[in-house]
């Protein structure tokens, strides 16, 4: 398991922040093809979701895991409305920036 994914999985905000500062790629997925944002959406780690999105690419919001789920699908499946709002707001912002 990659260090950034492990830090996200365990909810270590400070470690996630440090790894992102070092250039860790939040788009890198683990073997199930779930990204760090997928796992944070499932676990309801709002602060880490914000960090990942701020340091990620637009593709992070739309990346599909091995079952075709985006992080927004995961947020909906696990009843994480605040995470869903974070993701939707970020997607809207990305779209506005690239008009």
N, C-alpha and C. Protein backbone atom coordinates (compact mmCIF):
# COMPACT_ATOMS: atom_id res chain seq x y z
N UNK A 1 0.85 -1.17 0.00
CA UNK A 1 0.00 0.00 0.00
C UNK A 1 0.90 1.24 0.00
N UNK A 2 0.56 2.21 -0.79
CA UNK A 2 1.36 3.43 -0.89
C UNK A 2 1.19 4.29 0.36
N UNK A 3 2.24 5.03 0.74
CA UNK A 3 2.17 5.83 1.97
C UNK A 3 1.01 6.82 2.02
N UNK A 4 0.74 7.53 0.92
CA UNK A 4 -0.36 8.49 0.95
C UNK A 4 -1.69 7.79 1.15
N UNK A 5 -1.88 6.68 0.47
CA UNK A 5 -3.14 5.93 0.61
C UNK A 5 -3.29 5.44 2.05
N UNK A 6 -2.21 4.92 2.63
CA UNK A 6 -2.25 4.43 4.01
C UNK A 6 -2.57 5.56 4.98
N UNK A 7 -1.96 6.71 4.78
CA UNK A 7 -2.24 7.86 5.65
C UNK A 7 -3.69 8.29 5.53
N UNK A 8 -4.22 8.27 4.31
CA UNK A 8 -5.64 8.61 4.11
C UNK A 8 -6.54 7.58 4.76
N UNK A 9 -6.21 6.34 4.58
CA UNK A 9 -7.01 5.24 5.13
C UNK A 9 -7.10 5.30 6.65
N UNK A 10 -6.04 5.76 7.28
CA UNK A 10 -6.00 5.82 8.75
C UNK A 10 -6.36 7.19 9.30
N UNK A 11 -6.64 8.16 8.42
CA UNK A 11 -7.09 9.47 8.86
C UNK A 11 -6.03 10.37 9.43
N UNK A 12 -4.80 10.18 9.03
CA UNK A 12 -3.67 10.97 9.54
C UNK A 12 -3.52 12.26 8.73
N UNK A 13 -4.24 13.29 9.11
CA UNK A 13 -4.27 14.55 8.38
C UNK A 13 -2.87 15.14 8.22
N UNK A 14 -2.11 15.16 9.31
CA UNK A 14 -0.78 15.77 9.25
C UNK A 14 0.16 15.01 8.31
N UNK A 15 0.05 13.70 8.29
CA UNK A 15 0.89 12.89 7.40
C UNK A 15 0.46 13.10 5.95
N UNK A 16 -0.84 13.15 5.70
CA UNK A 16 -1.35 13.40 4.35
C UNK A 16 -0.83 14.75 3.85
N UNK A 17 -0.95 15.76 4.69
CA UNK A 17 -0.48 17.09 4.31
C UNK A 17 1.01 17.08 3.99
N UNK A 18 1.78 16.43 4.81
CA UNK A 18 3.23 16.34 4.60
C UNK A 18 3.56 15.62 3.29
N UNK A 19 2.92 14.49 3.05
CA UNK A 19 3.18 13.73 1.83
C UNK A 19 2.78 14.51 0.58
N UNK A 20 1.69 15.24 0.66
CA UNK A 20 1.28 16.07 -0.48
C UNK A 20 2.29 17.18 -0.73
N UNK A 21 2.82 17.77 0.35
CA UNK A 21 3.87 18.79 0.21
C UNK A 21 5.10 18.22 -0.48
N UNK A 22 5.39 16.94 -0.23
CA UNK A 22 6.54 16.29 -0.85
C UNK A 22 6.27 15.88 -2.29
N UNK A 23 5.03 16.04 -2.74
CA UNK A 23 4.70 15.73 -4.12
C UNK A 23 3.99 14.42 -4.36
N UNK A 24 3.47 13.79 -3.31
CA UNK A 24 2.72 12.54 -3.49
C UNK A 24 1.51 12.81 -4.39
N UNK A 25 1.23 11.88 -5.27
CA UNK A 25 0.14 12.03 -6.23
C UNK A 25 -1.15 11.44 -5.67
N UNK A 26 -2.17 12.27 -5.38
CA UNK A 26 -3.43 11.75 -4.84
C UNK A 26 -4.23 10.92 -5.84
N UNK A 27 -3.83 10.94 -7.10
CA UNK A 27 -4.55 10.18 -8.12
C UNK A 27 -4.09 8.72 -8.18
N UNK A 28 -2.95 8.43 -7.57
CA UNK A 28 -2.46 7.06 -7.59
C UNK A 28 -3.42 6.18 -6.79
N UNK A 29 -3.86 5.11 -7.41
CA UNK A 29 -4.84 4.21 -6.79
C UNK A 29 -4.16 2.99 -6.22
N UNK A 30 -4.85 2.31 -5.34
CA UNK A 30 -4.33 1.04 -4.83
C UNK A 30 -4.84 -0.08 -5.73
N UNK A 31 -4.62 -1.30 -5.35
CA UNK A 31 -4.93 -2.42 -6.23
C UNK A 31 -6.40 -2.53 -6.63
N UNK A 32 -7.31 -2.09 -5.78
CA UNK A 32 -8.74 -2.15 -6.12
C UNK A 32 -9.14 -0.98 -7.02
N UNK A 33 -8.15 -0.16 -7.38
CA UNK A 33 -8.34 1.01 -8.22
C UNK A 33 -9.08 2.13 -7.51
N UNK A 34 -9.21 2.04 -6.19
CA UNK A 34 -9.80 3.13 -5.42
C UNK A 34 -8.70 4.13 -5.10
N UNK A 35 -8.99 5.41 -5.28
CA UNK A 35 -8.02 6.44 -4.95
C UNK A 35 -8.15 6.83 -3.48
N UNK A 36 -7.26 7.69 -3.06
CA UNK A 36 -7.31 8.21 -1.70
C UNK A 36 -8.65 8.92 -1.44
N UNK A 37 -9.15 9.61 -2.45
CA UNK A 37 -10.43 10.31 -2.28
C UNK A 37 -11.59 9.33 -2.09
N UNK A 38 -11.53 8.20 -2.75
CA UNK A 38 -12.56 7.17 -2.55
C UNK A 38 -12.59 6.74 -1.08
N UNK A 39 -11.42 6.41 -0.54
CA UNK A 39 -11.37 5.91 0.84
C UNK A 39 -11.77 6.98 1.84
N UNK A 40 -11.39 8.22 1.58
CA UNK A 40 -11.77 9.31 2.50
C UNK A 40 -13.26 9.61 2.43
N UNK A 41 -13.84 9.45 1.26
CA UNK A 41 -15.28 9.62 1.13
C UNK A 41 -16.01 8.55 1.94
N UNK A 42 -15.52 7.33 1.85
CA UNK A 42 -16.12 6.22 2.61
C UNK A 42 -15.99 6.45 4.11
N UNK A 43 -14.84 6.89 4.55
CA UNK A 43 -14.56 7.02 5.98
C UNK A 43 -14.98 8.37 6.56
N UNK A 44 -15.50 9.26 5.71
CA UNK A 44 -16.00 10.56 6.14
C UNK A 44 -14.90 11.47 6.68
N UNK A 45 -13.73 11.42 6.06
CA UNK A 45 -12.60 12.26 6.45
C UNK A 45 -12.65 13.56 5.64
N UNK A 46 -13.44 14.50 6.12
CA UNK A 46 -13.69 15.75 5.38
C UNK A 46 -12.43 16.58 5.16
N UNK A 47 -11.63 16.76 6.20
CA UNK A 47 -10.44 17.59 6.07
C UNK A 47 -9.45 16.99 5.06
N UNK A 48 -9.31 15.68 5.09
CA UNK A 48 -8.40 15.04 4.13
C UNK A 48 -8.95 15.15 2.72
N UNK A 49 -10.26 15.03 2.56
CA UNK A 49 -10.87 15.21 1.23
C UNK A 49 -10.53 16.58 0.68
N UNK A 50 -10.66 17.60 1.52
CA UNK A 50 -10.34 18.96 1.07
C UNK A 50 -8.87 19.08 0.66
N UNK A 51 -7.98 18.48 1.46
CA UNK A 51 -6.54 18.52 1.15
C UNK A 51 -6.26 17.83 -0.19
N UNK A 52 -6.84 16.67 -0.38
CA UNK A 52 -6.61 15.92 -1.61
C UNK A 52 -7.10 16.70 -2.83
N UNK A 53 -8.28 17.26 -2.71
CA UNK A 53 -8.85 18.01 -3.83
C UNK A 53 -8.02 19.25 -4.13
N UNK A 54 -7.57 19.93 -3.07
CA UNK A 54 -6.76 21.14 -3.26
C UNK A 54 -5.43 20.82 -3.92
N UNK A 55 -4.94 19.62 -3.72
CA UNK A 55 -3.63 19.23 -4.26
C UNK A 55 -3.75 18.27 -5.44
N UNK A 56 -4.97 18.01 -5.86
CA UNK A 56 -5.17 17.03 -6.92
C UNK A 56 -5.52 17.64 -8.25
N UNK A 57 -5.94 16.79 -9.10
CA UNK A 57 -6.34 17.18 -10.45
C UNK A 57 -7.85 16.97 -10.58
N UNK A 58 -8.42 17.59 -11.57
CA UNK A 58 -9.84 17.42 -11.83
C UNK A 58 -10.18 15.93 -11.96
N UNK A 59 -9.29 15.17 -12.54
CA UNK A 59 -9.53 13.74 -12.75
C UNK A 59 -9.80 13.01 -11.44
N UNK A 60 -9.25 13.50 -10.33
CA UNK A 60 -9.44 12.87 -9.03
C UNK A 60 -10.93 12.79 -8.67
N UNK A 61 -11.68 13.80 -9.05
CA UNK A 61 -13.10 13.85 -8.73
C UNK A 61 -13.92 12.85 -9.53
N UNK A 62 -13.42 12.51 -10.71
CA UNK A 62 -14.18 11.66 -11.62
C UNK A 62 -13.60 10.25 -11.79
N UNK A 63 -12.50 9.97 -11.11
CA UNK A 63 -11.83 8.67 -11.26
C UNK A 63 -12.75 7.56 -10.77
N UNK A 64 -12.86 6.50 -11.56
CA UNK A 64 -13.72 5.37 -11.20
C UNK A 64 -12.89 4.24 -10.65
N UNK A 65 -13.39 3.65 -9.57
CA UNK A 65 -12.72 2.48 -9.00
C UNK A 65 -13.02 1.25 -9.85
N UNK A 66 -12.61 0.09 -9.41
CA UNK A 66 -12.80 -1.14 -10.16
C UNK A 66 -14.25 -1.50 -10.41
N UNK A 67 -15.15 -0.92 -9.65
CA UNK A 67 -16.58 -1.19 -9.82
C UNK A 67 -17.30 -0.04 -10.54
N UNK A 68 -16.54 0.94 -11.00
CA UNK A 68 -17.12 2.05 -11.74
C UNK A 68 -17.61 3.20 -10.88
N UNK A 69 -17.29 3.17 -9.59
CA UNK A 69 -17.75 4.22 -8.69
C UNK A 69 -16.76 5.38 -8.61
N UNK A 70 -17.28 6.58 -8.70
CA UNK A 70 -16.48 7.77 -8.45
C UNK A 70 -16.52 8.05 -6.94
N UNK A 71 -15.67 8.96 -6.46
CA UNK A 71 -15.76 9.32 -5.04
C UNK A 71 -17.16 9.84 -4.65
N UNK A 72 -17.84 10.52 -5.56
CA UNK A 72 -19.19 10.99 -5.26
C UNK A 72 -20.15 9.82 -5.06
N UNK A 73 -20.01 8.77 -5.87
CA UNK A 73 -20.84 7.57 -5.67
C UNK A 73 -20.60 6.99 -4.29
N UNK A 74 -19.33 6.93 -3.89
CA UNK A 74 -18.99 6.38 -2.57
C UNK A 74 -19.62 7.23 -1.47
N UNK A 75 -19.52 8.55 -1.59
CA UNK A 75 -20.12 9.44 -0.60
C UNK A 75 -21.63 9.18 -0.49
N UNK A 76 -22.28 9.01 -1.62
CA UNK A 76 -23.72 8.74 -1.62
C UNK A 76 -24.03 7.37 -1.01
N UNK A 77 -23.26 6.35 -1.41
CA UNK A 77 -23.49 4.99 -0.91
C UNK A 77 -23.33 4.89 0.61
N UNK A 78 -22.41 5.68 1.17
CA UNK A 78 -22.14 5.62 2.60
C UNK A 78 -22.83 6.75 3.37
N UNK A 79 -23.76 7.45 2.70
CA UNK A 79 -24.55 8.52 3.32
C UNK A 79 -23.64 9.58 3.96
N UNK A 80 -22.79 10.16 3.11
CA UNK A 80 -21.85 11.20 3.53
C UNK A 80 -22.18 12.50 2.80
N UNK A 81 -23.28 13.17 3.20
CA UNK A 81 -23.70 14.37 2.47
C UNK A 81 -22.67 15.50 2.49
N UNK A 82 -21.93 15.64 3.56
CA UNK A 82 -20.92 16.72 3.62
C UNK A 82 -19.78 16.44 2.64
N UNK A 83 -19.40 15.18 2.52
CA UNK A 83 -18.36 14.81 1.55
C UNK A 83 -18.88 15.05 0.13
N UNK A 84 -20.12 14.65 -0.11
CA UNK A 84 -20.72 14.87 -1.44
C UNK A 84 -20.71 16.36 -1.78
N UNK A 85 -21.03 17.20 -0.81
CA UNK A 85 -21.03 18.64 -1.04
C UNK A 85 -19.62 19.15 -1.36
N UNK A 86 -18.62 18.64 -0.66
CA UNK A 86 -17.23 19.03 -0.92
C UNK A 86 -16.85 18.67 -2.36
N UNK A 87 -17.21 17.47 -2.78
CA UNK A 87 -16.86 16.99 -4.12
C UNK A 87 -17.59 17.78 -5.20
N UNK A 88 -18.88 17.99 -5.02
CA UNK A 88 -19.67 18.73 -6.01
C UNK A 88 -19.19 20.17 -6.11
N UNK A 89 -18.92 20.80 -4.98
CA UNK A 89 -18.42 22.18 -4.99
C UNK A 89 -17.08 22.26 -5.71
N UNK A 90 -16.20 21.30 -5.45
CA UNK A 90 -14.90 21.28 -6.12
C UNK A 90 -15.06 21.09 -7.63
N UNK A 91 -15.96 20.21 -8.03
CA UNK A 91 -16.19 19.97 -9.46
C UNK A 91 -16.72 21.24 -10.13
N UNK A 92 -17.64 21.91 -9.46
CA UNK A 92 -18.16 23.17 -10.01
C UNK A 92 -17.05 24.20 -10.14
N UNK A 93 -16.19 24.29 -9.14
CA UNK A 93 -15.09 25.26 -9.16
C UNK A 93 -14.12 24.95 -10.31
N UNK A 94 -13.79 23.66 -10.49
CA UNK A 94 -12.91 23.28 -11.60
C UNK A 94 -13.53 23.69 -12.93
N UNK A 95 -14.82 23.49 -13.07
CA UNK A 95 -15.49 23.83 -14.33
C UNK A 95 -15.48 25.34 -14.55
N UNK A 96 -15.73 26.11 -13.51
CA UNK A 96 -15.73 27.57 -13.63
C UNK A 96 -14.35 28.11 -14.00
N UNK A 97 -13.32 27.49 -13.46
CA UNK A 97 -11.95 27.93 -13.75
C UNK A 97 -11.54 27.67 -15.18
N UNK A 98 -12.22 26.73 -15.83
CA UNK A 98 -11.81 26.34 -17.18
C UNK A 98 -12.84 26.71 -18.25
N UNK A 99 -13.64 27.72 -17.96
CA UNK A 99 -14.61 28.19 -18.96
C UNK A 99 -13.93 29.04 -20.00
